[in-house]
N, C-alpha and C. Protein backbone atom coordinates (compact mmCIF):
# COMPACT_ATOMS: atom_id res chain seq x y z
N MET A 1 178.72 -46.66 -53.18
CA MET A 1 179.58 -45.84 -52.42
C MET A 1 179.13 -45.03 -53.08
N ASP A 2 178.51 -43.88 -52.20
CA ASP A 2 177.81 -42.52 -52.68
C ASP A 2 179.06 -41.15 -51.94
N LEU A 3 179.92 -40.39 -52.19
CA LEU A 3 180.77 -39.55 -51.99
C LEU A 3 180.52 -38.44 -52.06
N MET A 4 179.05 -38.12 -53.17
CA MET A 4 178.74 -36.40 -52.91
C MET A 4 177.12 -36.88 -52.63
N PRO A 5 176.67 -35.48 -51.44
CA PRO A 5 175.02 -35.01 -50.73
C PRO A 5 174.26 -35.50 -51.88
N ALA A 6 173.59 -36.08 -52.04
CA ALA A 6 172.43 -35.62 -53.18
C ALA A 6 172.31 -34.46 -53.76
N ASP A 7 172.30 -33.89 -52.51
CA ASP A 7 171.44 -32.22 -53.34
C ASP A 7 172.70 -31.82 -54.34
N TRP A 8 173.80 -32.58 -54.43
CA TRP A 8 174.74 -32.05 -55.03
C TRP A 8 174.69 -32.34 -56.55
N LEU A 9 173.31 -33.19 -57.28
CA LEU A 9 173.52 -33.82 -58.32
C LEU A 9 172.74 -33.24 -59.31
N GLU A 10 171.48 -32.60 -58.06
CA GLU A 10 170.19 -31.66 -59.00
C GLU A 10 170.73 -30.27 -59.28
N PRO A 11 170.12 -30.23 -60.41
CA PRO A 11 170.72 -28.63 -61.47
C PRO A 11 170.05 -27.85 -59.91
N SER A 12 171.46 -26.74 -59.63
CA SER A 12 170.75 -25.61 -58.93
C SER A 12 170.46 -23.97 -59.98
N ARG A 13 169.50 -23.44 -59.15
CA ARG A 13 168.50 -22.89 -60.10
C ARG A 13 169.28 -21.65 -60.24
N PRO A 14 169.62 -20.39 -60.67
CA PRO A 14 170.18 -19.33 -61.21
C PRO A 14 169.27 -18.54 -60.16
N SER A 15 169.86 -17.88 -59.40
CA SER A 15 169.23 -16.79 -58.28
C SER A 15 168.25 -15.62 -59.02
N PRO A 16 167.42 -14.85 -58.27
CA PRO A 16 166.83 -13.90 -59.38
C PRO A 16 168.01 -12.53 -58.56
N PRO A 17 167.89 -11.49 -60.48
CA PRO A 17 168.48 -10.74 -60.42
C PRO A 17 168.61 -9.83 -59.57
N SER A 18 169.70 -9.39 -58.44
CA SER A 18 169.74 -8.47 -57.52
C SER A 18 169.35 -6.68 -58.07
N ILE A 19 168.99 -6.14 -59.05
CA ILE A 19 168.74 -5.13 -60.34
C ILE A 19 167.63 -5.19 -61.43
N GLN A 20 166.94 -4.22 -61.55
CA GLN A 20 166.46 -4.16 -62.50
C GLN A 20 166.52 -2.96 -62.97
N VAL A 21 165.82 -2.69 -64.51
CA VAL A 21 165.91 -1.26 -64.79
C VAL A 21 164.20 -0.64 -65.13
N LEU A 22 164.11 0.47 -64.46
CA LEU A 22 162.89 1.20 -64.71
C LEU A 22 162.66 2.31 -65.25
N LEU A 23 161.30 2.41 -65.51
CA LEU A 23 161.41 4.10 -65.77
C LEU A 23 160.21 4.63 -65.62
N THR A 24 160.69 5.70 -64.55
CA THR A 24 160.61 6.87 -63.70
C THR A 24 159.54 8.13 -64.56
N GLU A 25 158.88 8.82 -63.84
CA GLU A 25 158.45 9.56 -64.66
C GLU A 25 159.10 10.92 -64.15
N SER A 26 160.01 11.52 -63.29
CA SER A 26 161.33 12.27 -63.06
C SER A 26 162.22 12.06 -64.16
N ALA A 27 162.66 10.61 -64.04
CA ALA A 27 164.01 10.52 -64.06
C ALA A 27 164.66 9.80 -65.65
N GLY A 28 163.26 9.02 -66.56
CA GLY A 28 163.59 8.35 -66.94
C GLY A 28 164.04 7.02 -66.39
N ARG A 29 164.83 6.27 -67.07
CA ARG A 29 165.21 4.83 -67.07
C ARG A 29 166.07 5.15 -65.50
N GLY A 30 165.98 3.77 -64.62
CA GLY A 30 166.66 4.04 -64.08
C GLY A 30 167.17 2.45 -63.02
N VAL A 31 167.80 2.01 -62.14
CA VAL A 31 168.70 0.65 -62.08
C VAL A 31 168.83 0.96 -60.76
N PHE A 32 167.58 0.08 -60.79
CA PHE A 32 167.10 -0.43 -58.98
C PHE A 32 167.66 -2.19 -58.44
N ALA A 33 167.88 -1.60 -57.22
CA ALA A 33 167.78 -3.25 -56.49
C ALA A 33 166.52 -3.21 -56.42
N THR A 34 166.66 -4.88 -56.34
CA THR A 34 165.58 -6.06 -55.88
C THR A 34 165.72 -7.00 -54.27
N ARG A 35 166.95 -6.49 -54.35
CA ARG A 35 166.84 -7.20 -52.68
C ARG A 35 168.24 -6.11 -52.31
N SER A 36 168.71 -6.35 -51.14
CA SER A 36 169.72 -6.15 -50.12
C SER A 36 171.32 -5.88 -50.98
N ILE A 37 171.72 -5.03 -50.93
CA ILE A 37 173.01 -5.96 -51.89
C ILE A 37 174.79 -5.13 -50.88
N GLU A 38 175.45 -5.59 -50.58
CA GLU A 38 176.40 -5.67 -49.95
C GLU A 38 177.17 -4.54 -50.34
N PRO A 39 178.33 -3.78 -49.39
CA PRO A 39 178.96 -3.42 -50.00
C PRO A 39 180.06 -3.92 -50.16
N GLY A 40 180.38 -3.52 -51.86
CA GLY A 40 181.84 -4.09 -52.48
C GLY A 40 180.92 -5.83 -53.19
N GLN A 41 180.05 -5.93 -52.85
CA GLN A 41 178.97 -6.66 -53.61
C GLN A 41 179.11 -6.34 -55.06
N LEU A 42 179.42 -8.02 -56.05
CA LEU A 42 179.58 -7.64 -57.75
C LEU A 42 177.99 -8.20 -58.03
N ILE A 43 176.96 -7.12 -58.84
CA ILE A 43 175.80 -7.63 -58.73
C ILE A 43 175.84 -7.13 -60.55
N HIS A 44 176.15 -7.49 -61.24
CA HIS A 44 176.08 -6.93 -62.74
C HIS A 44 177.34 -6.71 -63.49
N THR A 45 177.50 -8.36 -64.56
CA THR A 45 178.99 -7.84 -65.47
C THR A 45 177.47 -8.22 -66.83
N ALA A 46 178.67 -7.65 -67.91
CA ALA A 46 178.34 -7.52 -69.44
C ALA A 46 179.28 -7.07 -70.45
N LYS A 47 179.22 -7.71 -71.43
CA LYS A 47 179.96 -7.43 -72.23
C LYS A 47 179.70 -6.26 -73.00
N PRO A 48 180.33 -5.38 -73.50
CA PRO A 48 179.24 -4.40 -73.91
C PRO A 48 178.83 -4.63 -75.73
N PHE A 49 177.85 -4.07 -76.31
CA PHE A 49 177.59 -4.62 -78.12
C PHE A 49 177.80 -3.32 -78.89
N VAL A 50 178.23 -2.16 -78.02
CA VAL A 50 179.01 -1.48 -78.40
C VAL A 50 180.20 -0.27 -78.38
N SER A 51 180.47 -0.02 -78.69
CA SER A 51 181.74 0.43 -77.74
C SER A 51 182.00 2.08 -79.08
N HIS A 52 182.64 3.30 -78.88
CA HIS A 52 183.04 4.26 -79.67
C HIS A 52 183.89 4.69 -78.29
N PRO A 53 184.84 5.99 -79.51
CA PRO A 53 185.92 6.68 -78.46
C PRO A 53 184.96 7.43 -77.90
N SER A 54 186.36 7.60 -76.78
CA SER A 54 185.31 8.80 -75.46
C SER A 54 185.58 10.28 -75.92
N ILE A 55 185.25 11.30 -75.53
CA ILE A 55 185.01 12.38 -76.04
C ILE A 55 186.45 12.65 -75.97
N SER A 56 186.70 13.16 -75.51
CA SER A 56 188.16 13.42 -74.68
C SER A 56 189.33 13.14 -75.82
N SER A 57 189.42 11.66 -75.85
CA SER A 57 190.37 10.26 -77.46
C SER A 57 190.38 11.81 -78.03
N ILE A 58 188.51 12.14 -78.94
CA ILE A 58 188.46 13.20 -80.06
C ILE A 58 189.20 14.19 -80.16
N ASP A 59 188.69 14.51 -78.78
CA ASP A 59 188.91 15.90 -78.89
C ASP A 59 190.88 16.29 -79.21
N LYS A 60 191.44 15.77 -78.30
CA LYS A 60 193.17 14.97 -79.18
C LYS A 60 193.35 14.70 -80.34
N ARG A 61 192.98 14.34 -80.81
CA ARG A 61 193.27 13.79 -82.38
C ARG A 61 192.85 15.12 -82.88
N ARG A 62 191.79 16.12 -82.52
CA ARG A 62 191.44 17.12 -83.89
C ARG A 62 192.52 18.58 -83.66
N MET A 63 192.56 17.99 -81.65
CA MET A 63 193.84 19.48 -81.65
C MET A 63 195.07 19.24 -82.28
N SER A 64 195.26 18.08 -82.91
CA SER A 64 196.93 17.05 -82.91
C SER A 64 197.23 17.61 -84.29
N GLY A 65 196.10 17.77 -85.09
CA GLY A 65 195.60 18.23 -86.35
C GLY A 65 195.43 17.32 -87.08
N ALA A 66 194.74 15.89 -86.38
CA ALA A 66 193.77 14.62 -87.40
C ALA A 66 193.13 15.40 -88.49
N SER A 67 192.85 14.72 -89.88
CA SER A 67 191.95 14.33 -90.75
C SER A 67 190.75 14.64 -89.87
N GLU A 68 189.03 15.45 -90.05
CA GLU A 68 188.42 15.13 -89.99
C GLU A 68 187.54 13.72 -90.23
N GLY A 69 187.87 13.52 -91.63
CA GLY A 69 187.28 12.48 -92.25
C GLY A 69 187.86 11.24 -91.23
N LEU A 70 188.46 11.35 -90.68
CA LEU A 70 189.01 10.42 -90.31
C LEU A 70 188.18 10.09 -88.73
N LEU A 71 188.02 10.93 -88.44
CA LEU A 71 186.77 10.91 -87.36
C LEU A 71 185.38 9.95 -87.10
């Protein structure tokens, strides 16, 4: 007895990316859409591989008297 349609058994292909990074002559690198994107639609997710404190948090530490060696 077949409970699932046959196409469920075939692996699905990943959809093409909805964005691409290109180099422009006037503004350097930019992110461009490769298809129509609806308002509110998620187009990209990624985990950062580098992070650093924000400028405002560094300024707050300096104002509070934190040692320069800790920055």
